[in-house]
Amino acid sequence: QVQLVESGGGSVQAGGSLRLSCAASGRNVSTSPMAWFRQAPGKERDFVAAIGWSGDSTYYADSVKGRFTISRDTSKNAGYLQMYSLKPEDTAAYSCASGPPYYAGSCRLSDYEYWGQGTQVTVSS
């Protein structure tokens, strides 16, 4: 059974940083793409970032380019989202997702099979 568990969320002031982690079990992150999505209250779930199965390709939403970095550690079977220069509009519940093996990754929510429960990020002005 595949499980994804996020951690690292919290409350920060604008301009601050956070690093989210996604611990995976039942799926090898070295052969599967991983993505981060976020959902603010009353809004749809939006794509944030993705990394392809090989680790060579990364994708970012325009709103986070240059501020967020997605990565993974295959030795820990985990993925990460490093967030810098946080803004109040980054406030949301962040979820990691895993796609099928050997898939390049995408920004499409429907391309991901498994999801974590999410971790809350709150940025105050």
PDB file of N, CA and C in Angstrom:
ATOM      1  N   GLN A   1       0.845  -1.190   0.000  1.00  0.00           N
ATOM      2  CA  GLN A   1       0.000   0.000   0.000  1.00  0.00           C
ATOM      3  C   GLN A   1       0.883   1.243   0.000  1.00  0.00           C
ATOM      4  N   VAL A   2       0.566   2.168  -0.876  1.00  0.00           N
ATOM      5  CA  VAL A   2       1.351   3.391  -0.980  1.00  0.00           C
ATOM      6  C   VAL A   2       0.852   4.409   0.032  1.00  0.00           C
ATOM      7  N   GLN A   3       1.793   4.975   0.753  1.00  0.00           N
ATOM      8  CA  GLN A   3       1.458   6.040   1.695  1.00  0.00           C
ATOM      9  C   GLN A   3       2.417   7.206   1.505  1.00  0.00           C
ATOM     10  N   LEU A   4       1.866   8.397   1.553  1.00  0.00           N
ATOM     11  CA  LEU A   4       2.656   9.625   1.483  1.00  0.00           C
ATOM     12  C   LEU A   4       2.330  10.452   2.715  1.00  0.00           C
ATOM     13  N   VAL A   5       3.354  10.884   3.418  1.00  0.00           N
ATOM     14  CA  VAL A   5       3.140  11.641   4.643  1.00  0.00           C
ATOM     15  C   VAL A   5       3.952  12.927   4.569  1.00  0.00           C
ATOM     16  N   GLU A   6       3.233  14.048   4.591  1.00  0.00           N
ATOM     17  CA  GLU A   6       3.884  15.352   4.543  1.00  0.00           C
ATOM     18  C   GLU A   6       4.213  15.860   5.941  1.00  0.00           C
ATOM     19  N   SER A   7       5.220  16.693   5.992  1.00  0.00           N
ATOM     20  CA  SER A   7       5.576  17.367   7.232  1.00  0.00           C
ATOM     21  C   SER A   7       6.300  18.657   6.879  1.00  0.00           C
ATOM     22  N   GLY A   8       6.468  19.508   7.873  1.00  0.00           N
ATOM     23  CA  GLY A   8       7.236  20.728   7.676  1.00  0.00           C
ATOM     24  C   GLY A   8       6.424  21.992   7.528  1.00  0.00           C
ATOM     25  N   GLY A   9       5.117  21.865   7.506  1.00  0.00           N
ATOM     26  CA  GLY A   9       4.297  23.067   7.406  1.00  0.00           C
ATOM     27  C   GLY A   9       4.349  23.876   8.689  1.00  0.00           C
ATOM     28  N   GLY A  10       3.788  25.062   8.638  1.00  0.00           N
ATOM     29  CA  GLY A  10       3.765  25.917   9.817  1.00  0.00           C
ATOM     30  C   GLY A  10       3.369  27.325   9.474  1.00  0.00           C
ATOM     31  N   SER A  11       3.580  28.214  10.412  1.00  0.00           N
ATOM     32  CA  SER A  11       3.241  29.623  10.244  1.00  0.00           C
ATOM     33  C   SER A  11       4.516  30.455  10.184  1.00  0.00           C
ATOM     34  N   VAL A  12       4.616  31.276   9.161  1.00  0.00           N
ATOM     35  CA  VAL A  12       5.782  32.150   9.003  1.00  0.00           C
ATOM     36  C   VAL A  12       5.324  33.526   8.561  1.00  0.00           C
ATOM     37  N   GLN A  13       6.198  34.482   8.724  1.00  0.00           N
ATOM     38  CA  GLN A  13       5.907  35.820   8.226  1.00  0.00           C
ATOM     39  C   GLN A  13       6.326  35.912   6.760  1.00  0.00           C
ATOM     40  N   ALA A  14       5.737  36.859   6.083  1.00  0.00           N
ATOM     41  CA  ALA A  14       6.086  37.081   4.684  1.00  0.00           C
ATOM     42  C   ALA A  14       7.591  37.297   4.552  1.00  0.00           C
ATOM     43  N   GLY A  15       8.153  36.677   3.527  1.00  0.00           N
ATOM     44  CA  GLY A  15       9.590  36.731   3.319  1.00  0.00           C
ATOM     45  C   GLY A  15      10.332  35.562   3.932  1.00  0.00           C
ATOM     46  N   GLY A  16       9.638  34.791   4.750  1.00  0.00           N
ATOM     47  CA  GLY A  16      10.268  33.661   5.406  1.00  0.00           C
ATOM     48  C   GLY A  16      10.368  32.441   4.518  1.00  0.00           C
ATOM     49  N   SER A  17      10.886  31.358   5.100  1.00  0.00           N
ATOM     50  CA  SER A  17      11.119  30.122   4.362  1.00  0.00           C
ATOM     51  C   SER A  17      10.571  28.934   5.134  1.00  0.00           C
ATOM     52  N   LEU A  18      10.227  27.910   4.379  1.00  0.00           N
ATOM     53  CA  LEU A  18       9.834  26.625   4.955  1.00  0.00           C
ATOM     54  C   LEU A  18      10.299  25.525   4.024  1.00  0.00           C
ATOM     55  N   ARG A  19      10.522  24.357   4.591  1.00  0.00           N
ATOM     56  CA  ARG A  19      10.855  23.187   3.781  1.00  0.00           C
ATOM     57  C   ARG A  19       9.868  22.086   4.109  1.00  0.00           C
ATOM     58  N   LEU A  20       9.107  21.698   3.107  1.00  0.00           N
ATOM     59  CA  LEU A  20       8.155  20.620   3.262  1.00  0.00           C
ATOM     60  C   LEU A  20       8.802  19.297   2.869  1.00  0.00           C
ATOM     61  N   SER A  21       8.437  18.250   3.578  1.00  0.00           N
ATOM     62  CA  SER A  21       8.928  16.913   3.270  1.00  0.00           C
ATOM     63  C   SER A  21       7.755  15.995   2.964  1.00  0.00           C
ATOM     64  N   CYS A  22       8.027  15.004   2.143  1.00  0.00           N
ATOM     65  CA  CYS A  22       7.018  13.997   1.798  1.00  0.00           C
ATOM     66  C   CYS A  22       7.691  12.632   1.884  1.00  0.00           C
ATOM     67  N   ALA A  23       7.382  11.898   2.930  1.00  0.00           N
ATOM     68  CA  ALA A  23       7.943  10.567   3.111  1.00  0.00           C
ATOM     69  C   ALA A  23       7.050   9.541   2.420  1.00  0.00           C
ATOM     70  N   ALA A  24       7.650   8.748   1.551  1.00  0.00           N
ATOM     71  CA  ALA A  24       6.893   7.770   0.781  1.00  0.00           C
ATOM     72  C   ALA A  24       7.176   6.356   1.266  1.00  0.00           C
ATOM     73  N   SER A  25       6.144   5.550   1.272  1.00  0.00           N
ATOM     74  CA  SER A  25       6.293   4.118   1.535  1.00  0.00           C
ATOM     75  C   SER A  25       5.419   3.362   0.551  1.00  0.00           C
ATOM     76  N   GLY A  26       5.886   2.185   0.154  1.00  0.00           N
ATOM     77  CA  GLY A  26       5.126   1.403  -0.806  1.00  0.00           C
ATOM     78  C   GLY A  26       5.333   1.819  -2.248  1.00  0.00           C
ATOM     79  N   ARG A  27       6.155   2.839  -2.453  1.00  0.00           N
ATOM     80  CA  ARG A  27       6.478   3.320  -3.800  1.00  0.00           C
ATOM     81  C   ARG A  27       7.884   3.882  -3.777  1.00  0.00           C
ATOM     82  N   ASN A  28       8.635   3.545  -4.821  1.00  0.00           N
ATOM     83  CA  ASN A  28      10.015   3.974  -4.908  1.00  0.00           C
ATOM     84  C   ASN A  28      10.094   5.332  -5.608  1.00  0.00           C
ATOM     85  N   VAL A  29      10.534   6.338  -4.877  1.00  0.00           N
ATOM     86  CA  VAL A  29      10.583   7.678  -5.468  1.00  0.00           C
ATOM     87  C   VAL A  29      11.616   7.791  -6.580  1.00  0.00           C
ATOM     88  N   SER A  30      12.531   6.839  -6.650  1.00  0.00           N
ATOM     89  CA  SER A  30      13.552   6.913  -7.695  1.00  0.00           C
ATOM     90  C   SER A  30      13.001   6.517  -9.065  1.00  0.00           C
ATOM     91  N   THR A  31      11.816   5.937  -9.104  1.00  0.00           N
ATOM     92  CA  THR A  31      11.220   5.530 -10.372  1.00  0.00           C
ATOM     93  C   THR A  31       9.841   6.121 -10.599  1.00  0.00           C
ATOM     94  N   SER A  32       9.427   7.035  -9.745  1.00  0.00           N
ATOM     95  CA  SER A  32       8.097   7.624  -9.879  1.00  0.00           C
ATOM     96  C   SER A  32       8.172   9.141  -9.758  1.00  0.00           C
ATOM     97  N   PRO A  33       7.360   9.842 -10.488  1.00  0.00           N
ATOM     98  CA  PRO A  33       7.341  11.296 -10.351  1.00  0.00           C
ATOM     99  C   PRO A  33       6.640  11.709  -9.059  1.00  0.00           C
ATOM    100  N   MET A  34       6.990  12.868  -8.588  1.00  0.00           N
ATOM    101  CA  MET A  34       6.347  13.416  -7.403  1.00  0.00           C
ATOM    102  C   MET A  34       5.977  14.865  -7.679  1.00  0.00           C
ATOM    103  N   ALA A  35       4.872  15.272  -7.123  1.00  0.00           N
ATOM    104  CA  ALA A  35       4.417  16.652  -7.309  1.00  0.00           C
ATOM    105  C   ALA A  35       3.882  17.210  -6.006  1.00  0.00           C
ATOM    106  N   TRP A  36       3.825  18.513  -5.955  1.00  0.00           N
ATOM    107  CA  TRP A  36       3.194  19.233  -4.857  1.00  0.00           C
ATOM    108  C   TRP A  36       2.054  20.062  -5.429  1.00  0.00           C
ATOM    109  N   PHE A  37       0.933  19.993  -4.739  1.00  0.00           N
ATOM    110  CA  PHE A  37      -0.218  20.809  -5.053  1.00  0.00           C
ATOM    111  C   PHE A  37      -0.622  21.555  -3.779  1.00  0.00           C
ATOM    112  N   ARG A  38      -1.393  22.596  -3.944  1.00  0.00           N
ATOM    113  CA  ARG A  38      -1.861  23.322  -2.766  1.00  0.00           C
ATOM    114  C   ARG A  38      -3.297  23.748  -2.961  1.00  0.00           C
ATOM    115  N   GLN A  39      -3.980  23.881  -1.849  1.00  0.00           N
ATOM    116  CA  GLN A  39      -5.383  24.285  -1.892  1.00  0.00           C
ATOM    117  C   GLN A  39      -5.655  25.272  -0.774  1.00  0.00           C
ATOM    118  N   ALA A  40      -6.070  26.466  -1.173  1.00  0.00           N
ATOM    119  CA  ALA A  40      -6.467  27.492  -0.215  1.00  0.00           C
ATOM    120  C   ALA A  40      -7.956  27.338   0.072  1.00  0.00           C
ATOM    121  N   PRO A  41      -8.416  27.817   1.211  1.00  0.00           N
ATOM    122  CA  PRO A  41      -9.837  27.698   1.550  1.00  0.00           C
ATOM    123  C   PRO A  41     -10.737  28.295   0.470  1.00  0.00           C
ATOM    124  N   GLY A  42     -11.715  27.528   0.057  1.00  0.00           N
ATOM    125  CA  GLY A  42     -12.659  28.008  -0.931  1.00  0.00           C
ATOM    126  C   GLY A  42     -12.165  28.011  -2.355  1.00  0.00           C
ATOM    127  N   LYS A  43     -10.967  27.479  -2.561  1.00  0.00           N
ATOM    128  CA  LYS A  43     -10.386  27.467  -3.909  1.00  0.00           C
ATOM    129  C   LYS A  43     -10.080  26.042  -4.342  1.00  0.00           C
ATOM    130  N   GLU A  44      -9.820  25.898  -5.648  1.00  0.00           N
ATOM    131  CA  GLU A  44      -9.473  24.592  -6.180  1.00  0.00           C
ATOM    132  C   GLU A  44      -8.020  24.247  -5.836  1.00  0.00           C
ATOM    133  N   ARG A  45      -7.716  22.967  -5.941  1.00  0.00           N
ATOM    134  CA  ARG A  45      -6.346  22.523  -5.724  1.00  0.00           C
ATOM    135  C   ARG A  45      -5.506  22.919  -6.941  1.00  0.00           C
ATOM    136  N   ASP A  46      -4.403  23.571  -6.680  1.00  0.00           N
ATOM    137  CA  ASP A  46      -3.540  24.081  -7.749  1.00  0.00           C
ATOM    138  C   ASP A  46      -2.183  23.401  -7.757  1.00  0.00           C
ATOM    139  N   PHE A  47      -1.659  23.252  -8.931  1.00  0.00           N
ATOM    140  CA  PHE A  47      -0.317  22.711  -9.104  1.00  0.00           C
ATOM    141  C   PHE A  47       0.728  23.681  -8.582  1.00  0.00           C
ATOM    142  N   VAL A  48       1.761  23.135  -7.928  1.00  0.00           N
ATOM    143  CA  VAL A  48       2.857  23.959  -7.437  1.00  0.00           C
ATOM    144  C   VAL A  48       4.166  23.585  -8.133  1.00  0.00           C
ATOM    145  N   ALA A  49       4.535  22.295  -8.045  1.00  0.00           N
ATOM    146  CA  ALA A  49       5.806  21.857  -8.617  1.00  0.00           C
ATOM    147  C   ALA A  49       5.772  20.345  -8.812  1.00  0.00           C
ATOM    148  N   ALA A  50       6.610  19.867  -9.734  1.00  0.00           N
ATOM    149  CA  ALA A  50       6.719  18.434  -9.978  1.00  0.00           C
ATOM    150  C   ALA A  50       8.140  18.079 -10.374  1.00  0.00           C
ATOM    151  N   ILE A  51       8.504  16.841 -10.106  1.00  0.00           N
ATOM    152  CA  ILE A  51       9.794  16.313 -10.528  1.00  0.00           C
ATOM    153  C   ILE A  51       9.543  14.974 -11.209  1.00  0.00           C
ATOM    154  N   GLY A  52      10.131  14.789 -12.371  1.00  0.00           N
ATOM    155  CA  GLY A  52       9.925  13.578 -13.132  1.00  0.00           C
ATOM    156  C   GLY A  52      10.570  12.370 -12.491  1.00  0.00           C
ATOM    157  N   TRP A  53      10.246  11.184 -13.015  1.00  0.00           N
ATOM    158  CA  TRP A  53      10.725   9.957 -12.380  1.00  0.00           C
ATOM    159  C   TRP A  53      12.242   9.870 -12.348  1.00  0.00           C
ATOM    160  N   SER A  54      12.908  10.384 -13.363  1.00  0.00           N
ATOM    161  CA  SER A  54      14.361  10.295 -13.398  1.00  0.00           C
ATOM    162  C   SER A  54      15.037  11.336 -12.521  1.00  0.00           C
ATOM    163  N   GLY A  55      14.278  12.328 -12.114  1.00  0.00           N
ATOM    164  CA  GLY A  55      14.872  13.395 -11.322  1.00  0.00           C
ATOM    165  C   GLY A  55      15.503  14.496 -12.151  1.00  0.00           C
ATOM    166  N   ASP A  56      15.532  14.318 -13.460  1.00  0.00           N
ATOM    167  CA  ASP A  56      16.192  15.286 -14.339  1.00  0.00           C
ATOM    168  C   ASP A  56      15.292  16.446 -14.738  1.00  0.00           C
ATOM    169  N   SER A  57      13.995  16.256 -14.648  1.00  0.00           N
ATOM    170  CA  SER A  57      13.052  17.274 -15.089  1.00  0.00           C
ATOM    171  C   SER A  57      12.249  17.811 -13.915  1.00  0.00           C
ATOM    172  N   THR A  58      12.128  19.117 -13.860  1.00  0.00           N
ATOM    173  CA  THR A  58      11.305  19.750 -12.842  1.00  0.00           C
ATOM    174  C   THR A  58      10.367  20.740 -13.512  1.00  0.00           C
ATOM    175  N   TYR A  59       9.238  20.958 -12.886  1.00  0.00           N
ATOM    176  CA  TYR A  59       8.201  21.842 -13.418  1.00  0.00           C
ATOM    177  C   TYR A  59       7.680  22.699 -12.269  1.00  0.00           C
ATOM    178  N   TYR A  60       7.388  23.948 -12.585  1.00  0.00           N
ATOM    179  CA  TYR A  60       6.903  24.866 -11.560  1.00  0.00           C
ATOM    180  C   TYR A  60       5.743  25.703 -12.078  1.00  0.00           C
ATOM    181  N   ALA A  61       4.834  26.009 -11.179  1.00  0.00           N
ATOM    182  CA  ALA A  61       3.814  26.997 -11.502  1.00  0.00           C
ATOM    183  C   ALA A  61       4.495  28.355 -11.610  1.00  0.00           C
ATOM    184  N   ASP A  62       3.976  29.194 -12.476  1.00  0.00           N
ATOM    185  CA  ASP A  62       4.581  30.522 -12.661  1.00  0.00           C
ATOM    186  C   ASP A  62       4.639  31.308 -11.357  1.00  0.00           C
ATOM    187  N   SER A  63       3.656  31.093 -10.518  1.00  0.00           N
ATOM    188  CA  SER A  63       3.563  31.868  -9.283  1.00  0.00           C
ATOM    189  C   SER A  63       4.667  31.539  -8.278  1.00  0.00           C
ATOM    190  N   VAL A  64       5.347  30.403  -8.469  1.00  0.00           N
ATOM    191  CA  VAL A  64       6.380  30.009  -7.496  1.00  0.00           C
ATOM    192  C   VAL A  64       7.768  29.911  -8.116  1.00  0.00           C
ATOM    193  N   LYS A  65       7.881  30.090  -9.403  1.00  0.00           N
ATOM    194  CA  LYS A  65       9.186  30.003 -10.067  1.00  0.00           C
ATOM    195  C   LYS A  65      10.166  30.987  -9.454  1.00  0.00           C
ATOM    196  N   GLY A  66      11.359  30.487  -9.185  1.00  0.00           N
ATOM    197  CA  GLY A  66      12.388  31.325  -8.605  1.00  0.00           C
ATOM    198  C   GLY A  66      12.320  31.428  -7.095  1.00  0.00           C
ATOM    199  N   ARG A  67      11.221  30.934  -6.515  1.00  0.00           N
ATOM    200  CA  ARG A  67      11.077  30.985  -5.045  1.00  0.00           C
ATOM    201  C   ARG A  67      11.030  29.587  -4.421  1.00  0.00           C
ATOM    202  N   PHE A  68      10.473  28.626  -5.139  1.00  0.00           N
ATOM    203  CA  PHE A  68      10.325  27.257  -4.636  1.00  0.00           C
ATOM    204  C   PHE A  68      11.246  26.325  -5.421  1.00  0.00           C
ATOM    205  N   THR A  69      11.716  25.296  -4.731  1.00  0.00           N
ATOM    206  CA  THR A  69      12.539  24.263  -5.377  1.00  0.00           C
ATOM    207  C   THR A  69      12.059  22.895  -4.940  1.00  0.00           C
ATOM    208  N   ILE A  70      11.780  22.045  -5.923  1.00  0.00           N
ATOM    209  CA  ILE A  70      11.386  20.673  -5.632  1.00  0.00           C
ATOM    210  C   ILE A  70      12.614  19.774  -5.774  1.00  0.00           C
ATOM    211  N   SER A  71      12.707  18.794  -4.897  1.00  0.00           N
ATOM    212  CA  SER A  71      13.835  17.866  -4.955  1.00  0.00           C
ATOM    213  C   SER A  71      13.412  16.543  -4.334  1.00  0.00           C
ATOM    214  N   ARG A  72      14.335  15.598  -4.362  1.00  0.00           N
ATOM    215  CA  ARG A  72      14.052  14.305  -3.746  1.00  0.00           C
ATOM    216  C   ARG A  72      15.357  13.706  -3.252  1.00  0.00           C
ATOM    217  N   ASP A  73      15.221  12.775  -2.315  1.00  0.00           N
ATOM    218  CA  ASP A  73      16.363  12.033  -1.801  1.00  0.00           C
ATOM    219  C   ASP A  73      16.009  10.556  -1.926  1.00  0.00           C
ATOM    220  N   THR A  74      16.576   9.902  -2.903  1.00  0.00           N
ATOM    221  CA  THR A  74      16.205   8.507  -3.139  1.00  0.00           C
ATOM    222  C   THR A  74      16.669   7.598  -2.004  1.00  0.00           C
ATOM    223  N   SER A  75      17.719   7.998  -1.292  1.00  0.00           N
ATOM    224  CA  SER A  75      18.200   7.167  -0.181  1.00  0.00           C
ATOM    225  C   SER A  75      17.212   7.182   0.985  1.00  0.00           C
ATOM    226  N   LYS A  76      16.429   8.250   1.070  1.00  0.00           N
ATOM    227  CA  LYS A  76      15.419   8.364   2.126  1.00  0.00           C
ATOM    228  C   LYS A  76      14.016   8.099   1.609  1.00  0.00           C
ATOM    229  N   ASN A  77      13.925   7.880   0.295  1.00  0.00           N
ATOM    230  CA  ASN A  77      12.617   7.675  -0.344  1.00  0.00           C
ATOM    231  C   ASN A  77      11.656   8.804   0.008  1.00  0.00           C
ATOM    232  N   ALA A  78      12.136  10.015  -0.179  1.00  0.00           N
ATOM    233  CA  ALA A  78      11.356  11.186   0.204  1.00  0.00           C
ATOM    234  C   ALA A  78      11.517  12.297  -0.818  1.00  0.00           C
ATOM    235  N   GLY A  79      10.540  13.178  -0.837  1.00  0.00           N
ATOM    236  CA  GLY A  79      10.595  14.356  -1.673  1.00  0.00           C
ATOM    237  C   GLY A  79      10.499  15.596  -0.809  1.00  0.00           C
ATOM    238  N   TYR A  80      10.901  16.740  -1.391  1.00  0.00           N
ATOM    239  CA  TYR A  80      10.940  17.974  -0.628  1.00  0.00           C
ATOM    240  C   TYR A  80      10.460  19.152  -1.470  1.00  0.00           C
ATOM    241  N   LEU A  81       9.970  20.151  -0.782  1.00  0.00           N
ATOM    242  CA  LEU A  81       9.633  21.416  -1.427  1.00  0.00           C
ATOM    243  C   LEU A  81      10.224  22.516  -0.560  1.00  0.00           C
ATOM    244  N   GLN A  82      11.294  23.103  -1.044  1.00  0.00           N
ATOM    245  CA  GLN A  82      11.921  24.226  -0.345  1.00  0.00           C
ATOM    246  C   GLN A  82      11.257  25.500  -0.821  1.00  0.00           C
ATOM    247  N   MET A  83      10.758  26.278   0.132  1.00  0.00           N
ATOM    248  CA  MET A  83      10.026  27.488  -0.203  1.00  0.00           C
ATOM    249  C   MET A  83      10.728  28.695   0.411  1.00  0.00           C
ATOM    250  N   TYR A  84      11.075  29.641  -0.434  1.00  0.00           N
ATOM    251  CA  TYR A  84      11.699  30.889   0.000  1.00  0.00           C
ATOM    252  C   TYR A  84      10.784  32.064  -0.338  1.00  0.00           C
ATOM    253  N   SER A  85      11.080  33.190   0.275  1.00  0.00           N
ATOM    254  CA  SER A  85      10.361  34.440  -0.022  1.00  0.00           C
ATOM    255  C   SER A  85       8.850  34.226  -0.020  1.00  0.00           C
ATOM    256  N   LEU A  86       8.368  33.594   1.016  1.00  0.00           N
ATOM    257  CA  LEU A  86       6.956  33.262   1.082  1.00  0.00           C
ATOM    258  C   LEU A  86       6.094  34.520   1.140  1.00  0.00           C
ATOM    259  N   LYS A  87       4.935  34.404   0.522  1.00  0.00           N
ATOM    260  CA  LYS A  87       3.987  35.508   0.457  1.00  0.00           C
ATOM    261  C   LYS A  87       2.664  35.065   1.099  1.00  0.00           C
ATOM    262  N   PRO A  88       1.857  36.014   1.532  1.00  0.00           N
ATOM    263  CA  PRO A  88       0.556  35.629   2.107  1.00  0.00           C
ATOM    264  C   PRO A  88      -0.286  34.786   1.149  1.00  0.00           C
ATOM    265  N   GLU A  89      -0.156  35.043  -0.138  1.00  0.00           N
ATOM    266  CA  GLU A  89      -0.937  34.266  -1.112  1.00  0.00           C
ATOM    267  C   GLU A  89      -0.437  32.824  -1.261  1.00  0.00           C
ATOM    268  N   ASP A  90       0.669  32.475  -0.620  1.00  0.00           N
ATOM    269  CA  ASP A  90       1.122  31.089  -0.597  1.00  0.00           C
ATOM    270  C   ASP A  90       0.414  30.281   0.486  1.00  0.00           C
ATOM    271  N   THR A  91      -0.369  30.940   1.307  1.00  0.00           N
ATOM    272  CA  THR A  91      -1.097  30.256   2.365  1.00  0.00           C
ATOM    273  C   THR A  91      -2.056  29.224   1.779  1.00  0.00           C
ATOM    274  N   ALA A  92      -1.904  27.970   2.219  1.00  0.00           N
ATOM    275  CA  ALA A  92      -2.713  26.878   1.686  1.00  0.00           C
ATOM    276  C   ALA A  92      -2.330  25.591   2.396  1.00  0.00           C
ATOM    277  N   ALA A  93      -3.117  24.565   2.147  1.00  0.00           N
ATOM    278  CA  ALA A  93      -2.742  23.206   2.535  1.00  0.00           C
ATOM    279  C   ALA A  93      -1.963  22.602   1.376  1.00  0.00           C
ATOM    280  N   TYR A  94      -0.762  22.147   1.653  1.00  0.00           N
ATOM    281  CA  TYR A  94       0.116  21.591   0.623  1.00  0.00           C
ATOM    282  C   TYR A  94       0.114  20.067   0.707  1.00  0.00           C
ATOM    283  N   SER A  95      -0.084  19.442  -0.451  1.00  0.00           N
ATOM    284  CA  SER A  95      -0.119  17.982  -0.518  1.00  0.00           C
ATOM    285  C   SER A  95       0.886  17.485  -1.534  1.00  0.00           C
ATOM    286  N   CYS A  96       1.541  16.377  -1.201  1.00  0.00           N
ATOM    287  CA  CYS A  96       2.396  15.751  -2.193  1.00  0.00           C
ATOM    288  C   CYS A  96       1.614  14.625  -2.866  1.00  0.00           C
ATOM    289  N   ALA A  97       2.044  14.303  -4.063  1.00  0.00           N
ATOM    290  CA  ALA A  97       1.361  13.286  -4.849  1.00  0.00           C
ATOM    291  C   ALA A  97       2.388  12.482  -5.624  1.00  0.00           C
ATOM    292  N   SER A  98       2.065  11.232  -5.851  1.00  0.00           N
ATOM    293  CA  SER A  98       2.962  10.327  -6.572  1.00  0.00           C
ATOM    294  C   SER A  98       2.290   9.832  -7.838  1.00  0.00           C
ATOM    295  N   GLY A  99       3.052   9.850  -8.922  1.00  0.00           N
ATOM    296  CA  GLY A  99       2.526   9.379 -10.194  1.00  0.00           C
ATOM    297  C   GLY A  99       3.016   7.986 -10.519  1.00  0.00           C
ATOM    298  N   PRO A 100       2.540   7.441 -11.620  1.00  0.00           N
ATOM    299  CA  PRO A 100       2.906   6.076 -11.992  1.00  0.00           C
ATOM    300  C   PRO A 100       4.389   5.954 -12.327  1.00  0.00           C
ATOM    301  N   PRO A 101       4.955   4.773 -12.145  1.00  0.00           N
ATOM    302  CA  PRO A 101       6.380   4.574 -12.422  1.00  0.00           C
ATOM    303  C   PRO A 101       6.770   4.938 -13.847  1.00  0.00           C
ATOM    304  N   TYR A 102       7.912   5.569 -13.959  1.00  0.00           N
ATOM    305  CA  TYR A 102       8.523   5.928 -15.244  1.00  0.00           C
ATOM    306  C   TYR A 102       7.703   6.961 -16.011  1.00  0.00           C
ATOM    307  N   TYR A 103       6.924   7.696 -15.292  1.00  0.00           N
ATOM    308  CA  TYR A 103       6.179   8.790 -15.906  1.00  0.00           C
ATOM    309  C   TYR A 103       6.975  10.077 -15.734  1.00  0.00           C
ATOM    310  N   ALA A 104       6.959  10.915 -16.767  1.00  0.00           N
ATOM    311  CA  ALA A 104       7.805  12.106 -16.756  1.00  0.00           C
ATOM    312  C   ALA A 104       7.353  13.154 -15.756  1.00  0.00           C
ATOM    313  N   GLY A 105       6.095  13.105 -15.368  1.00  0.00           N
ATOM    314  CA  GLY A 105       5.579  14.123 -14.479  1.00  0.00           C
ATOM    315  C   GLY A 105       4.827  15.188 -15.247  1.00  0.00           C
ATOM    316  N   SER A 106       3.921  15.856 -14.568  1.00  0.00           N
ATOM    317  CA  SER A 106       3.133  16.893 -15.214  1.00  0.00           C
ATOM    318  C   SER A 106       2.535  17.804 -14.162  1.00  0.00           C
ATOM    319  N   CYS A 107       1.805  18.789 -14.639  1.00  0.00           N
ATOM    320  CA  CYS A 107       1.103  19.703 -13.737  1.00  0.00           C
ATOM    321  C   CYS A 107      -0.357  19.302 -13.560  1.00  0.00           C
ATOM    322  N   ARG A 108      -0.754  18.199 -14.160  1.00  0.00           N
ATOM    323  CA  ARG A 108      -2.151  17.773 -14.128  1.00  0.00           C
ATOM    324  C   ARG A 108      -2.439  16.933 -12.892  1.00  0.00           C
ATOM    325  N   LEU A 109      -3.412  17.377 -12.166  1.00  0.00           N
ATOM    326  CA  LEU A 109      -3.828  16.693 -10.942  1.00  0.00           C
ATOM    327  C   LEU A 109      -4.212  15.244 -11.225  1.00  0.00           C
ATOM    328  N   SER A 110      -4.877  15.019 -12.352  1.00  0.00           N
ATOM    329  CA  SER A 110      -5.397  13.684 -12.675  1.00  0.00           C
ATOM    330  C   SER A 110      -4.301  12.683 -13.006  1.00  0.00           C
ATOM    331  N   ASP A 111      -3.078  13.156 -13.218  1.00  0.00           N
ATOM    332  CA  ASP A 111      -1.975  12.246 -13.559  1.00  0.00           C
ATOM    333  C   ASP A 111      -1.352  11.584 -12.338  1.00  0.00           C
ATOM    334  N   TYR A 112      -1.773  11.951 -11.168  1.00  0.00           N
ATOM    335  CA  TYR A 112      -1.163  11.434  -9.940  1.00  0.00           C
ATOM    336  C   TYR A 112      -2.113  10.479  -9.243  1.00  0.00           C
ATOM    337  N   GLU A 113      -1.540   9.374  -8.793  1.00  0.00           N
ATOM    338  CA  GLU A 113      -2.356   8.271  -8.275  1.00  0.00           C
ATOM    339  C   GLU A 113      -2.552   8.326  -6.767  1.00  0.00           C
ATOM    340  N   TYR A 114      -1.532   8.733  -6.067  1.00  0.00           N
ATOM    341  CA  TYR A 114      -1.573   8.682  -4.618  1.00  0.00           C
ATOM    342  C   TYR A 114      -1.285  10.064  -4.034  1.00  0.00           C
ATOM    343  N   TRP A 115      -1.942  10.326  -2.919  1.00  0.00           N
ATOM    344  CA  TRP A 115      -1.880  11.657  -2.304  1.00  0.00           C
ATOM    345  C   TRP A 115      -1.654  11.546  -0.808  1.00  0.00           C
ATOM    346  N   GLY A 116      -0.929  12.520  -0.278  1.00  0.00           N
ATOM    347  CA  GLY A 116      -0.797  12.620   1.155  1.00  0.00           C
ATOM    348  C   GLY A 116      -1.967  13.393   1.744  1.00  0.00           C
ATOM    349  N   GLN A 117      -1.981  13.499   3.061  1.00  0.00           N
ATOM    350  CA  GLN A 117      -3.075  14.178   3.746  1.00  0.00           C
ATOM    351  C   GLN A 117      -2.923  15.697   3.733  1.00  0.00           C
ATOM    352  N   GLY A 118      -1.710  16.148   3.527  1.00  0.00           N
ATOM    353  CA  GLY A 118      -1.486  17.584   3.443  1.00  0.00           C
ATOM    354  C   GLY A 118      -0.885  18.167   4.710  1.00  0.00           C
ATOM    355  N   THR A 119      -0.221  19.290   4.536  1.00  0.00           N
ATOM    356  CA  THR A 119       0.335  20.039   5.651  1.00  0.00           C
ATOM    357  C   THR A 119       0.053  21.517   5.428  1.00  0.00           C
ATOM    358  N   GLN A 120      -0.347  22.201   6.475  1.00  0.00           N
ATOM    359  CA  GLN A 120      -0.791  23.593   6.343  1.00  0.00           C
ATOM    360  C   GLN A 120       0.395  24.552   6.372  1.00  0.00           C
ATOM    361  N   VAL A 121       0.371  25.479   5.444  1.00  0.00           N
ATOM    362  CA  VAL A 121       1.342  26.573   5.420  1.00  0.00           C
ATOM    363  C   VAL A 121       0.569  27.876   5.530  1.00  0.00           C
ATOM    364  N   THR A 122       0.917  28.685   6.508  1.00  0.00           N
ATOM    365  CA  THR A 122       0.251  29.962   6.724  1.00  0.00           C
ATOM    366  C   THR A 122       1.306  31.060   6.720  1.00  0.00           C
ATOM    367  N   VAL A 123       1.135  32.026   5.841  1.00  0.00           N
ATOM    368  CA  VAL A 123       2.079  33.130   5.719  1.00  0.00           C
ATOM    369  C   VAL A 123       1.359  34.415   6.088  1.00  0.00           C
ATOM    370  N   SER A 124       1.864  35.094   7.092  1.00  0.00           N
ATOM    371  CA  SER A 124       1.239  36.336   7.545  1.00  0.00           C
ATOM    372  C   SER A 124       2.009  37.534   7.013  1.00  0.00           C
ATOM    373  N   SER A 125       1.284  38.613   6.809  1.00  0.00           N
ATOM    374  CA  SER A 125       1.914  39.821   6.258  1.00  0.00           C
ATOM    375  C   SER A 125       2.475  40.709   7.351  1.00  0.00           C
TER     376      SER A 125
END
